[in-house]
Amino acid sequence: MNIPIYQIDAFANKTFQGNPAAVCLLDSWLPEPTMQKIAAENAIAETAFLKPLNDGYEIRWFTPEIEIDLCGHATLASAHVIARHINPALSSMTFYSQSGTLTVTVEGELLTMNFPSRPPAPSDIPQLIVDALQIQPTEILRSRDYVLVFESEEVIKNMNPDVAMLNQINTDPGGICVTAPGSDVDFVSRFFTPQAQIFEDPVTGSAHCSLIPYWSKRLSKKHMRATQLSERKGELMCKDLGERVSISGKAITYLQGTITL
């Protein structure tokens, strides 16, 4: 069996920036253990699997360890593959996922995803997490992931979590998203995942499902610009749509090939 595969740098203007994602095109679903093994073999944050359905595609996302319910950068990467390599005439596309129907529109090089809004609510947090971050947040919130708010971009940029300490957490905390007002953009963030093969995610589209409603309310703005301050960095254009959010960015093809099973 031959499976077309692409590796895309999502939320990037050029290669070696943004967040890499693999995209595999299927005619029918593979067994879940096989998809999990492919994701582990790819050894990047997420691998998206696409299967045609009606007027769009079913989409599933796998990290090297588990299947997840929503991934922004791998959805952006999938839309890039379809728009640049499969059907350049498309101006929009639909993905059917565990998190509902997701649409992506194409305007030149810009891809805009319509995702569910996941506003974070005040939360408690294990003291171990705060100790590992070595600085007290001004707010502690949670939706799918923890959202920890700090005073400035410099705090986020210079944060150096104790990875060994965070990996001692004996329950799954989800992701830990740290965020603050930006100096040149509306807000900045970083995203850590304890106990995962890839500890810091370069650009986390799904985290912005929580960051956008939070910062929209705090800043009294609907349209915002954001930067994820990982080593690779990523630029995102964001809009609060109420029960939905839009997340826009660019993507670059890094490689394309064939998986042989």
C-alpha atoms as a PDB file:
ATOM      1  CA  MET A   1       0.000   0.000   0.000  1.00  0.00           C
ATOM      2  CA  ASN A   2       1.273   3.465  -0.937  1.00  0.00           C
ATOM      3  CA  ILE A   3       0.072   6.505   1.028  1.00  0.00           C
ATOM      4  CA  PRO A   4       0.833  10.057  -0.153  1.00  0.00           C
ATOM      5  CA  ILE A   5       2.410  12.112   2.626  1.00  0.00           C
ATOM      6  CA  TYR A   6       3.301  15.786   2.896  1.00  0.00           C
ATOM      7  CA  GLN A   7       5.165  17.644   5.614  1.00  0.00           C
ATOM      8  CA  ILE A   8       4.047  21.239   5.985  1.00  0.00           C
ATOM      9  CA  ASP A   9       5.341  24.120   8.097  1.00  0.00           C
ATOM     10  CA  ALA A  10       2.116  25.710   9.365  1.00  0.00           C
ATOM     11  CA  PHE A  11       1.776  29.332  10.523  1.00  0.00           C
ATOM     12  CA  ALA A  12       4.995  30.050   8.660  1.00  0.00           C
ATOM     13  CA  ASN A  13       6.159  32.350   5.868  1.00  0.00           C
ATOM     14  CA  LYS A  14       9.162  30.170   5.029  1.00  0.00           C
ATOM     15  CA  THR A  15      10.535  26.737   5.816  1.00  0.00           C
ATOM     16  CA  PHE A  16      11.980  25.928   9.246  1.00  0.00           C
ATOM     17  CA  GLN A  17       9.501  28.258  10.931  1.00  0.00           C
ATOM     18  CA  GLY A  18       6.037  27.689  12.393  1.00  0.00           C
ATOM     19  CA  ASN A  19       4.878  24.213  13.372  1.00  0.00           C
ATOM     20  CA  PRO A  20       5.592  21.144  11.205  1.00  0.00           C
ATOM     21  CA  ALA A  21       2.713  18.743  10.558  1.00  0.00           C
ATOM     22  CA  ALA A  22       2.442  15.633   8.411  1.00  0.00           C
ATOM     23  CA  VAL A  23      -0.612  15.116   6.207  1.00  0.00           C
ATOM     24  CA  CYS A  24      -1.521  11.627   4.932  1.00  0.00           C
ATOM     25  CA  LEU A  25      -4.130  11.148   2.201  1.00  0.00           C
ATOM     26  CA  LEU A  26      -6.230   7.991   2.521  1.00  0.00           C
ATOM     27  CA  ASP A  27      -8.957   6.303   0.449  1.00  0.00           C
ATOM     28  CA  SER A  28     -10.266   4.529   3.572  1.00  0.00           C
ATOM     29  CA  TRP A  29      -9.328   4.528   7.228  1.00  0.00           C
ATOM     30  CA  LEU A  30      -6.364   2.483   8.305  1.00  0.00           C
ATOM     31  CA  PRO A  31      -6.549   0.557  11.597  1.00  0.00           C
ATOM     32  CA  GLU A  32      -5.993   2.955  14.492  1.00  0.00           C
ATOM     33  CA  PRO A  33      -2.797   1.178  15.654  1.00  0.00           C
ATOM     34  CA  THR A  34      -1.349   1.673  12.153  1.00  0.00           C
ATOM     35  CA  MET A  35      -2.159   5.389  12.119  1.00  0.00           C
ATOM     36  CA  GLN A  36      -0.647   5.700  15.591  1.00  0.00           C
ATOM     37  CA  LYS A  37       2.532   3.970  14.407  1.00  0.00           C
ATOM     38  CA  ILE A  38       2.771   6.283  11.391  1.00  0.00           C
ATOM     39  CA  ALA A  39       2.454   9.318  13.672  1.00  0.00           C
ATOM     40  CA  ALA A  40       5.140   7.921  15.968  1.00  0.00           C
ATOM     41  CA  GLU A  41       7.390   7.231  12.960  1.00  0.00           C
ATOM     42  CA  ASN A  42       6.912  10.801  11.724  1.00  0.00           C
ATOM     43  CA  ALA A  43       8.064  12.039  15.158  1.00  0.00           C
ATOM     44  CA  ILE A  44       6.588  15.524  14.831  1.00  0.00           C
ATOM     45  CA  ALA A  45       3.874  17.120  16.928  1.00  0.00           C
ATOM     46  CA  GLU A  46       0.901  15.968  14.822  1.00  0.00           C
ATOM     47  CA  THR A  47       0.029  13.865  11.826  1.00  0.00           C
ATOM     48  CA  ALA A  48      -3.319  14.498  10.119  1.00  0.00           C
ATOM     49  CA  PHE A  49      -5.104  11.737   8.210  1.00  0.00           C
ATOM     50  CA  LEU A  50      -7.651  12.773   5.567  1.00  0.00           C
ATOM     51  CA  LYS A  51     -10.333  10.660   3.891  1.00  0.00           C
ATOM     52  CA  PRO A  52     -12.760  12.074   1.305  1.00  0.00           C
ATOM     53  CA  LEU A  53     -16.354  12.423   2.495  1.00  0.00           C
ATOM     54  CA  ASN A  54     -19.148  13.998   0.440  1.00  0.00           C
ATOM     55  CA  ASP A  55     -18.007  17.537  -0.388  1.00  0.00           C
ATOM     56  CA  GLY A  56     -15.041  17.541   1.999  1.00  0.00           C
ATOM     57  CA  TYR A  57     -12.799  15.362   4.111  1.00  0.00           C
ATOM     58  CA  GLU A  58     -12.952  13.491   7.350  1.00  0.00           C
ATOM     59  CA  ILE A  59      -9.920  14.424   9.423  1.00  0.00           C
ATOM     60  CA  ARG A  60      -8.199  12.771  12.386  1.00  0.00           C
ATOM     61  CA  TRP A  61      -5.120  13.943  14.268  1.00  0.00           C
ATOM     62  CA  PHE A  62      -2.473  11.848  16.012  1.00  0.00           C
ATOM     63  CA  THR A  63       0.465  12.922  18.134  1.00  0.00           C
ATOM     64  CA  PRO A  64       3.329  10.407  18.408  1.00  0.00           C
ATOM     65  CA  GLU A  65       1.532   9.036  21.499  1.00  0.00           C
ATOM     66  CA  ILE A  66      -2.257   9.498  21.173  1.00  0.00           C
ATOM     67  CA  GLU A  67      -5.166  10.588  18.993  1.00  0.00           C
ATOM     68  CA  ILE A  68      -6.459  14.071  19.890  1.00  0.00           C
ATOM     69  CA  ASP A  69      -9.814  15.759  19.343  1.00  0.00           C
ATOM     70  CA  LEU A  70      -8.658  19.019  17.742  1.00  0.00           C
ATOM     71  CA  CYS A  71      -5.460  20.322  16.155  1.00  0.00           C
ATOM     72  CA  GLY A  72      -5.149  23.719  14.541  1.00  0.00           C
ATOM     73  CA  HIS A  73      -1.781  23.637  12.823  1.00  0.00           C
ATOM     74  CA  ALA A  74      -2.345  20.189  11.276  1.00  0.00           C
ATOM     75  CA  THR A  75      -5.725  21.396   9.965  1.00  0.00           C
ATOM     76  CA  LEU A  76      -4.036  24.442   8.437  1.00  0.00           C
ATOM     77  CA  ALA A  77      -1.415  22.106   6.946  1.00  0.00           C
ATOM     78  CA  SER A  78      -4.152  19.864   5.532  1.00  0.00           C
ATOM     79  CA  ALA A  79      -5.902  22.830   3.934  1.00  0.00           C
ATOM     80  CA  HIS A  80      -2.583  23.926   2.431  1.00  0.00           C
ATOM     81  CA  VAL A  81      -2.065  20.471   0.886  1.00  0.00           C
ATOM     82  CA  ILE A  82      -5.537  20.481  -0.665  1.00  0.00           C
ATOM     83  CA  ALA A  83      -5.316  24.070  -1.901  1.00  0.00           C
ATOM     84  CA  ARG A  84      -1.749  23.894  -3.253  1.00  0.00           C
ATOM     85  CA  HIS A  85      -1.352  20.277  -4.350  1.00  0.00           C
ATOM     86  CA  ILE A  86      -4.778  18.648  -4.829  1.00  0.00           C
ATOM     87  CA  ASN A  87      -7.334  21.215  -5.993  1.00  0.00           C
ATOM     88  CA  PRO A  88      -5.990  24.775  -6.437  1.00  0.00           C
ATOM     89  CA  ALA A  89      -9.384  25.942  -7.698  1.00  0.00           C
ATOM     90  CA  LEU A  90     -10.984  25.580  -4.253  1.00  0.00           C
ATOM     91  CA  SER A  91     -11.693  28.774  -2.305  1.00  0.00           C
ATOM     92  CA  SER A  92     -12.987  26.899   0.750  1.00  0.00           C
ATOM     93  CA  MET A  93     -13.063  23.378   2.151  1.00  0.00           C
ATOM     94  CA  THR A  94     -14.833  21.434   4.873  1.00  0.00           C
ATOM     95  CA  PHE A  95     -13.369  19.003   7.402  1.00  0.00           C
ATOM     96  CA  TYR A  96     -15.493  16.639   9.505  1.00  0.00           C
ATOM     97  CA  SER A  97     -13.886  15.905  12.861  1.00  0.00           C
ATOM     98  CA  GLN A  98     -14.442  14.799  16.457  1.00  0.00           C
ATOM     99  CA  SER A  99     -14.835  18.508  17.265  1.00  0.00           C
ATOM    100  CA  GLY A 100     -17.548  19.061  14.671  1.00  0.00           C
ATOM    101  CA  THR A 101     -17.474  20.582  11.217  1.00  0.00           C
ATOM    102  CA  LEU A 102     -14.479  22.814  10.517  1.00  0.00           C
ATOM    103  CA  THR A 103     -14.192  25.099   7.498  1.00  0.00           C
ATOM    104  CA  VAL A 104     -11.131  26.703   5.962  1.00  0.00           C
ATOM    105  CA  THR A 105     -11.206  29.500   3.406  1.00  0.00           C
ATOM    106  CA  VAL A 106      -8.391  30.375   0.998  1.00  0.00           C
ATOM    107  CA  GLU A 107      -7.455  33.960   0.096  1.00  0.00           C
ATOM    108  CA  GLY A 108      -4.194  33.921  -1.803  1.00  0.00           C
ATOM    109  CA  GLU A 109      -1.569  32.546   0.578  1.00  0.00           C
ATOM    110  CA  LEU A 110      -3.727  33.149   3.646  1.00  0.00           C
ATOM    111  CA  LEU A 111      -5.728  30.250   5.085  1.00  0.00           C
ATOM    112  CA  THR A 112      -8.497  31.004   7.598  1.00  0.00           C
ATOM    113  CA  MET A 113      -9.889  28.295   9.882  1.00  0.00           C
ATOM    114  CA  ASN A 114     -13.297  28.501  11.551  1.00  0.00           C
ATOM    115  CA  PHE A 115     -13.041  26.672  14.885  1.00  0.00           C
ATOM    116  CA  PRO A 116     -15.156  26.299  18.031  1.00  0.00           C
ATOM    117  CA  SER A 117     -14.628  28.854  20.780  1.00  0.00           C
ATOM    118  CA  ARG A 118     -13.509  27.347  24.105  1.00  0.00           C
ATOM    119  CA  PRO A 119     -13.507  30.177  26.663  1.00  0.00           C
ATOM    120  CA  PRO A 120     -11.374  29.325  29.694  1.00  0.00           C
ATOM    121  CA  ALA A 121     -12.803  29.588  33.203  1.00  0.00           C
ATOM    122  CA  PRO A 122     -11.074  30.218  36.554  1.00  0.00           C
ATOM    123  CA  SER A 123      -9.449  27.050  37.833  1.00  0.00           C
ATOM    124  CA  ASP A 124      -7.267  25.543  40.496  1.00  0.00           C
ATOM    125  CA  ILE A 125      -3.909  24.146  39.440  1.00  0.00           C
ATOM    126  CA  PRO A 126      -1.427  21.683  40.963  1.00  0.00           C
ATOM    127  CA  GLN A 127       1.223  23.650  42.863  1.00  0.00           C
ATOM    128  CA  LEU A 128       3.825  21.494  41.131  1.00  0.00           C
ATOM    129  CA  ILE A 129       3.046  23.232  37.827  1.00  0.00           C
ATOM    130  CA  VAL A 130       3.513  26.716  39.291  1.00  0.00           C
ATOM    131  CA  ASP A 131       6.730  25.609  41.001  1.00  0.00           C
ATOM    132  CA  ALA A 132       8.037  24.177  37.713  1.00  0.00           C
ATOM    133  CA  LEU A 133       7.322  27.436  35.872  1.00  0.00           C
ATOM    134  CA  GLN A 134       9.176  29.303  38.630  1.00  0.00           C
ATOM    135  CA  ILE A 135       6.829  32.304  38.487  1.00  0.00           C
ATOM    136  CA  GLN A 136       3.309  32.927  39.783  1.00  0.00           C
ATOM    137  CA  PRO A 137       0.675  33.691  37.117  1.00  0.00           C
ATOM    138  CA  THR A 138      -1.703  36.597  37.581  1.00  0.00           C
ATOM    139  CA  GLU A 139      -4.640  34.421  36.461  1.00  0.00           C
ATOM    140  CA  ILE A 140      -5.199  30.668  36.353  1.00  0.00           C
ATOM    141  CA  LEU A 141      -7.829  29.479  33.885  1.00  0.00           C
ATOM    142  CA  ARG A 142      -8.714  26.255  32.124  1.00  0.00           C
ATOM    143  CA  SER A 143     -10.744  24.934  29.212  1.00  0.00           C
ATOM    144  CA  ARG A 144      -9.251  21.858  27.519  1.00  0.00           C
ATOM    145  CA  ASP A 145      -5.810  23.102  28.614  1.00  0.00           C
ATOM    146  CA  TYR A 146      -4.577  25.325  31.416  1.00  0.00           C
ATOM    147  CA  VAL A 147      -4.302  28.981  30.418  1.00  0.00           C
ATOM    148  CA  LEU A 148      -1.895  30.849  32.706  1.00  0.00           C
ATOM    149  CA  VAL A 149      -1.762  34.616  32.317  1.00  0.00           C
ATOM    150  CA  PHE A 150       1.372  36.647  33.072  1.00  0.00           C
ATOM    151  CA  GLU A 151       2.226  40.340  33.071  1.00  0.00           C
ATOM    152  CA  SER A 152       4.500  40.790  30.064  1.00  0.00           C
ATOM    153  CA  GLU A 153       5.901  39.339  26.867  1.00  0.00           C
ATOM    154  CA  GLU A 154       9.361  39.257  28.444  1.00  0.00           C
ATOM    155  CA  VAL A 155       8.134  36.862  31.134  1.00  0.00           C
ATOM    156  CA  ILE A 156       6.819  34.480  28.460  1.00  0.00           C
ATOM    157  CA  LYS A 157       9.930  34.813  26.301  1.00  0.00           C
ATOM    158  CA  ASN A 158      12.317  34.120  29.189  1.00  0.00           C
ATOM    159  CA  MET A 159      10.306  31.361  30.856  1.00  0.00           C
ATOM    160  CA  ASN A 160      12.402  28.239  31.418  1.00  0.00           C
ATOM    161  CA  PRO A 161      10.167  25.496  32.868  1.00  0.00           C
ATOM    162  CA  ASP A 162      11.638  22.651  34.866  1.00  0.00           C
ATOM    163  CA  VAL A 163      10.791  19.832  32.456  1.00  0.00           C
ATOM    164  CA  ALA A 164      11.781  17.043  34.850  1.00  0.00           C
ATOM    165  CA  MET A 165       9.508  18.489  37.534  1.00  0.00           C
ATOM    166  CA  LEU A 166       6.538  18.834  35.158  1.00  0.00           C
ATOM    167  CA  ASN A 167       7.017  15.266  33.985  1.00  0.00           C
ATOM    168  CA  GLN A 168       6.457  14.127  37.588  1.00  0.00           C
ATOM    169  CA  ILE A 169       2.756  15.043  37.355  1.00  0.00           C
ATOM    170  CA  ASN A 170       0.904  11.758  37.855  1.00  0.00           C
ATOM    171  CA  THR A 171      -2.326  12.841  36.168  1.00  0.00           C
ATOM    172  CA  ASP A 172      -2.765  14.145  32.625  1.00  0.00           C
ATOM    173  CA  PRO A 173      -2.909  17.954  32.943  1.00  0.00           C
ATOM    174  CA  GLY A 174      -3.497  18.505  29.227  1.00  0.00           C
ATOM    175  CA  GLY A 175      -1.458  21.342  27.791  1.00  0.00           C
ATOM    176  CA  ILE A 176      -0.117  24.293  29.724  1.00  0.00           C
ATOM    177  CA  CYS A 177      -0.551  27.509  27.758  1.00  0.00           C
ATOM    178  CA  VAL A 178       1.198  30.607  29.112  1.00  0.00           C
ATOM    179  CA  THR A 179       0.192  33.977  27.723  1.00  0.00           C
ATOM    180  CA  ALA A 180       0.669  37.717  28.177  1.00  0.00           C
ATOM    181  CA  PRO A 181       0.051  41.025  26.373  1.00  0.00           C
ATOM    182  CA  GLY A 182       2.388  41.484  23.398  1.00  0.00           C
ATOM    183  CA  SER A 183       4.660  44.407  22.716  1.00  0.00           C
ATOM    184  CA  ASP A 184       4.129  44.430  18.917  1.00  0.00           C
ATOM    185  CA  VAL A 185       1.047  42.191  18.749  1.00  0.00           C
ATOM    186  CA  ASP A 186      -2.081  41.911  20.866  1.00  0.00           C
ATOM    187  CA  PHE A 187      -0.966  38.832  22.787  1.00  0.00           C
ATOM    188  CA  VAL A 188       1.785  36.229  22.899  1.00  0.00           C
ATOM    189  CA  SER A 189       1.890  32.657  24.149  1.00  0.00           C
ATOM    190  CA  ARG A 190       3.874  29.449  24.551  1.00  0.00           C
ATOM    191  CA  PHE A 191       2.518  25.920  24.953  1.00  0.00           C
ATOM    192  CA  PHE A 192       3.997  23.080  27.020  1.00  0.00           C
ATOM    193  CA  THR A 193       2.885  19.450  27.179  1.00  0.00           C
ATOM    194  CA  PRO A 194       4.243  17.458  30.132  1.00  0.00           C
ATOM    195  CA  GLN A 195       5.058  13.789  29.532  1.00  0.00           C
ATOM    196  CA  ALA A 196       4.868  14.210  25.756  1.00  0.00           C
ATOM    197  CA  GLN A 197       7.619  13.378  23.280  1.00  0.00           C
ATOM    198  CA  ILE A 198       7.613  17.015  22.127  1.00  0.00           C
ATOM    199  CA  PHE A 199       7.538  19.141  25.290  1.00  0.00           C
ATOM    200  CA  GLU A 200       7.042  22.582  23.720  1.00  0.00           C
ATOM    201  CA  ASP A 201       4.695  22.847  20.765  1.00  0.00           C
ATOM    202  CA  PRO A 202       5.979  25.464  18.278  1.00  0.00           C
ATOM    203  CA  VAL A 203       2.568  26.919  17.293  1.00  0.00           C
ATOM    204  CA  THR A 204      -0.685  25.647  18.788  1.00  0.00           C
ATOM    205  CA  GLY A 205      -3.750  26.600  16.759  1.00  0.00           C
ATOM    206  CA  SER A 206      -6.215  24.810  19.060  1.00  0.00           C
ATOM    207  CA  ALA A 207      -4.946  26.724  22.112  1.00  0.00           C
ATOM    208  CA  HIS A 208      -6.151  29.889  20.405  1.00  0.00           C
ATOM    209  CA  CYS A 209      -9.713  28.578  20.696  1.00  0.00           C
ATOM    210  CA  SER A 210      -9.288  29.598  24.352  1.00  0.00           C
ATOM    211  CA  LEU A 211      -6.842  32.479  23.961  1.00  0.00           C
ATOM    212  CA  ILE A 212      -8.999  34.377  21.461  1.00  0.00           C
ATOM    213  CA  PRO A 213     -12.148  34.671  23.625  1.00  0.00           C
ATOM    214  CA  TYR A 214     -10.028  35.523  26.679  1.00  0.00           C
ATOM    215  CA  TRP A 215      -8.028  38.298  25.003  1.00  0.00           C
ATOM    216  CA  SER A 216     -11.011  39.565  23.003  1.00  0.00           C
ATOM    217  CA  LYS A 217     -12.896  40.193  26.240  1.00  0.00           C
ATOM    218  CA  ARG A 218      -9.874  41.613  28.065  1.00  0.00           C
ATOM    219  CA  LEU A 219      -8.808  43.930  25.213  1.00  0.00           C
ATOM    220  CA  SER A 220     -12.346  44.717  23.968  1.00  0.00           C
ATOM    221  CA  LYS A 221     -11.235  43.763  20.450  1.00  0.00           C
ATOM    222  CA  LYS A 222     -12.606  41.308  17.910  1.00  0.00           C
ATOM    223  CA  HIS A 223      -9.659  41.327  15.489  1.00  0.00           C
ATOM    224  CA  MET A 224      -6.245  40.540  16.978  1.00  0.00           C
ATOM    225  CA  ARG A 225      -2.711  39.579  16.014  1.00  0.00           C
ATOM    226  CA  ALA A 226      -0.812  36.971  17.999  1.00  0.00           C
ATOM    227  CA  THR A 227       2.654  35.442  18.120  1.00  0.00           C
ATOM    228  CA  GLN A 228       3.640  32.115  19.656  1.00  0.00           C
ATOM    229  CA  LEU A 229       7.120  32.664  21.076  1.00  0.00           C
ATOM    230  CA  SER A 230       8.650  29.232  20.532  1.00  0.00           C
ATOM    231  CA  GLU A 231      12.087  28.907  18.975  1.00  0.00           C
ATOM    232  CA  ARG A 232      10.476  28.491  15.532  1.00  0.00           C
ATOM    233  CA  LYS A 233       7.791  31.144  16.208  1.00  0.00           C
ATOM    234  CA  GLY A 234       4.441  31.499  14.491  1.00  0.00           C
ATOM    235  CA  GLU A 235       2.213  34.375  13.436  1.00  0.00           C
ATOM    236  CA  LEU A 236      -1.586  34.161  13.712  1.00  0.00           C
ATOM    237  CA  MET A 237      -4.414  36.498  12.766  1.00  0.00           C
ATOM    238  CA  CYS A 238      -7.354  35.989  15.116  1.00  0.00           C
ATOM    239  CA  LYS A 239     -11.004  36.984  15.277  1.00  0.00           C
ATOM    240  CA  ASP A 240     -13.626  36.400  17.967  1.00  0.00           C
ATOM    241  CA  LEU A 241     -16.892  35.303  16.336  1.00  0.00           C
ATOM    242  CA  GLY A 242     -18.846  34.582  19.524  1.00  0.00           C
ATOM    243  CA  GLU A 243     -19.431  30.829  19.632  1.00  0.00           C
ATOM    244  CA  ARG A 244     -16.701  30.368  17.015  1.00  0.00           C
ATOM    245  CA  VAL A 245     -13.261  31.826  16.363  1.00  0.00           C
ATOM    246  CA  SER A 246     -11.300  32.339  13.168  1.00  0.00           C
ATOM    247  CA  ILE A 247      -7.570  31.668  13.054  1.00  0.00           C
ATOM    248  CA  SER A 248      -5.583  32.668   9.971  1.00  0.00           C
ATOM    249  CA  GLY A 249      -2.054  31.925   8.872  1.00  0.00           C
ATOM    250  CA  LYS A 250       0.191  30.852   6.028  1.00  0.00           C
ATOM    251  CA  ALA A 251       1.905  27.533   5.372  1.00  0.00           C
ATOM    252  CA  ILE A 252       4.851  26.194   3.372  1.00  0.00           C
ATOM    253  CA  THR A 253       5.440  22.752   1.861  1.00  0.00           C
ATOM    254  CA  TYR A 254       8.648  21.223   3.231  1.00  0.00           C
ATOM    255  CA  LEU A 255       8.453  17.770   1.597  1.00  0.00           C
ATOM    256  CA  GLN A 256       6.179  15.359  -0.188  1.00  0.00           C
ATOM    257  CA  GLY A 257       6.576  11.639  -0.698  1.00  0.00           C
ATOM    258  CA  THR A 258       5.043   8.210  -0.253  1.00  0.00           C
ATOM    259  CA  ILE A 259       4.646   5.923   2.735  1.00  0.00           C
ATOM    260  CA  THR A 260       5.004   2.244   1.718  1.00  0.00           C
ATOM    261  CA  LEU A 261       3.201  -0.263   3.943  1.00  0.00           C
END
